[in-house]
Protein backbone atom coordinates (compact mmCIF):
# COMPACT_ATOMS: atom_id res chain seq x y z
CA UNK A 1 143.85 -96.82 -36.20
CA UNK A 2 143.45 -98.97 -39.36
CA UNK A 3 140.30 -99.85 -40.38
CA UNK A 4 141.46 -104.06 -39.56
CA UNK A 5 142.03 -102.52 -36.04
CA UNK A 6 137.76 -102.14 -36.80
CA UNK A 7 136.31 -104.81 -35.01
CA UNK A 8 132.47 -104.09 -37.38
CA UNK A 9 130.55 -107.03 -35.95
CA UNK A 10 130.90 -104.53 -32.06
CA UNK A 11 130.56 -101.29 -33.42
CA UNK A 12 127.70 -102.48 -35.41
CA UNK A 13 126.29 -104.22 -31.75
CA UNK A 14 126.67 -101.70 -30.34
CA UNK A 15 124.97 -99.56 -32.55
CA UNK A 16 121.54 -101.66 -32.72
CA UNK A 17 122.07 -102.36 -36.79
CA UNK A 18 122.07 -105.85 -38.25
CA UNK A 19 124.68 -105.56 -41.60
CA UNK A 20 125.78 -107.81 -43.89
CA UNK A 21 128.86 -108.49 -45.07
CA UNK A 22 129.23 -105.90 -48.22
CA UNK A 23 127.48 -103.38 -45.67
CA UNK A 24 130.11 -104.58 -43.36
CA UNK A 25 132.88 -104.09 -45.61
CA UNK A 26 131.21 -100.96 -46.42
CA UNK A 27 130.88 -98.62 -43.04
CA UNK A 28 134.82 -100.58 -42.58
CA UNK A 29 136.41 -98.93 -45.20
CA UNK A 30 134.56 -96.02 -43.89
CA UNK A 31 135.28 -95.55 -40.56
CA UNK A 32 138.91 -95.93 -41.14
CA UNK A 33 138.28 -93.13 -43.17
CA UNK A 34 137.65 -90.77 -40.32
CA UNK A 35 139.70 -92.14 -37.98
CA UNK A 36 143.10 -91.35 -41.10
CA UNK A 37 141.35 -87.28 -41.08
CA UNK A 38 140.79 -88.08 -37.10
CA UNK A 39 144.46 -88.73 -37.02
CA UNK A 40 146.00 -86.05 -39.17
CA UNK A 41 143.69 -83.58 -36.74
CA UNK A 42 145.72 -85.61 -33.85
CA UNK A 43 148.65 -83.92 -35.57
CA UNK A 44 147.66 -79.85 -35.77
CA UNK A 45 148.91 -77.78 -32.74
CA UNK A 46 146.43 -75.99 -30.44
CA UNK A 47 148.52 -75.41 -27.37
CA UNK A 48 147.83 -72.30 -27.90
CA UNK A 49 144.34 -72.75 -28.31
CA UNK A 50 141.87 -72.44 -25.10
CA UNK A 51 139.52 -75.53 -24.90
CA UNK A 52 136.10 -74.00 -25.64
CA UNK A 53 132.22 -76.37 -24.53
CA UNK A 54 130.96 -73.81 -27.51
CA UNK A 55 132.14 -72.29 -30.74
CA UNK A 56 131.08 -69.24 -29.95
CA UNK A 57 130.59 -67.57 -26.47
CA UNK A 58 127.27 -68.23 -25.02
CA UNK A 59 125.17 -66.84 -21.45
CA UNK A 60 123.10 -68.51 -19.58
CA UNK A 61 120.39 -69.49 -22.54
CA UNK A 62 118.30 -70.43 -19.55
CA UNK A 63 114.84 -68.07 -18.80
CA UNK A 64 114.81 -67.40 -15.46
CA UNK A 65 113.62 -69.42 -12.95
CA UNK A 66 109.90 -67.84 -11.50
CA UNK A 67 106.95 -68.58 -9.88
CA UNK A 68 104.05 -68.53 -11.90
CA UNK A 69 100.51 -70.96 -11.71
CA UNK A 70 100.00 -74.47 -12.43
CA UNK A 71 98.22 -76.13 -15.08
CA UNK A 72 94.61 -76.69 -13.26
CA UNK A 73 94.64 -81.03 -13.23
CA UNK A 74 91.90 -81.14 -14.67
CA UNK A 75 92.99 -79.59 -17.61
CA UNK A 76 96.33 -81.53 -17.23
CA UNK A 77 94.09 -84.77 -17.13
CA UNK A 78 91.52 -83.79 -20.15
CA UNK A 79 94.15 -85.23 -23.55
CA UNK A 80 95.08 -88.68 -21.49
CA UNK A 81 94.72 -90.75 -23.30
CA UNK A 82 93.47 -93.79 -19.85
CA UNK A 83 93.16 -91.63 -15.67
CA UNK A 84 92.02 -93.74 -13.05
CA UNK A 85 91.46 -91.71 -9.90
CA UNK A 86 93.07 -88.37 -10.76
CA UNK A 87 96.37 -90.26 -13.10
CA UNK A 88 97.69 -90.43 -15.86
CA UNK A 89 98.07 -94.56 -17.03
CA UNK A 90 100.50 -95.13 -18.68
CA UNK A 91 101.97 -98.20 -20.23
CA UNK A 92 104.80 -100.39 -18.65
CA UNK A 93 108.30 -100.08 -19.92
CA UNK A 94 110.09 -101.74 -17.50
CA UNK A 95 110.20 -105.37 -17.36
């Protein structure tokens, strides 16, 4: 994909960026170079390479699920910036 095929304004909109025309040109060239390198990688024969999710083998890295005593209610609310009726008061984030 050539840099002319990239809709820089659309990509910037998705990334929530406001770019100047000079920045759009620079970013377009950089994205074009990146996509050029990806096209080179697509030319490699990887038919004998086993697909992996991680570069190194991993074992279950989570701790065992064990029942432990929880934090007492009063201790949990001690540093709350706002509370009422034993509950945390948080700002509304849904409009």
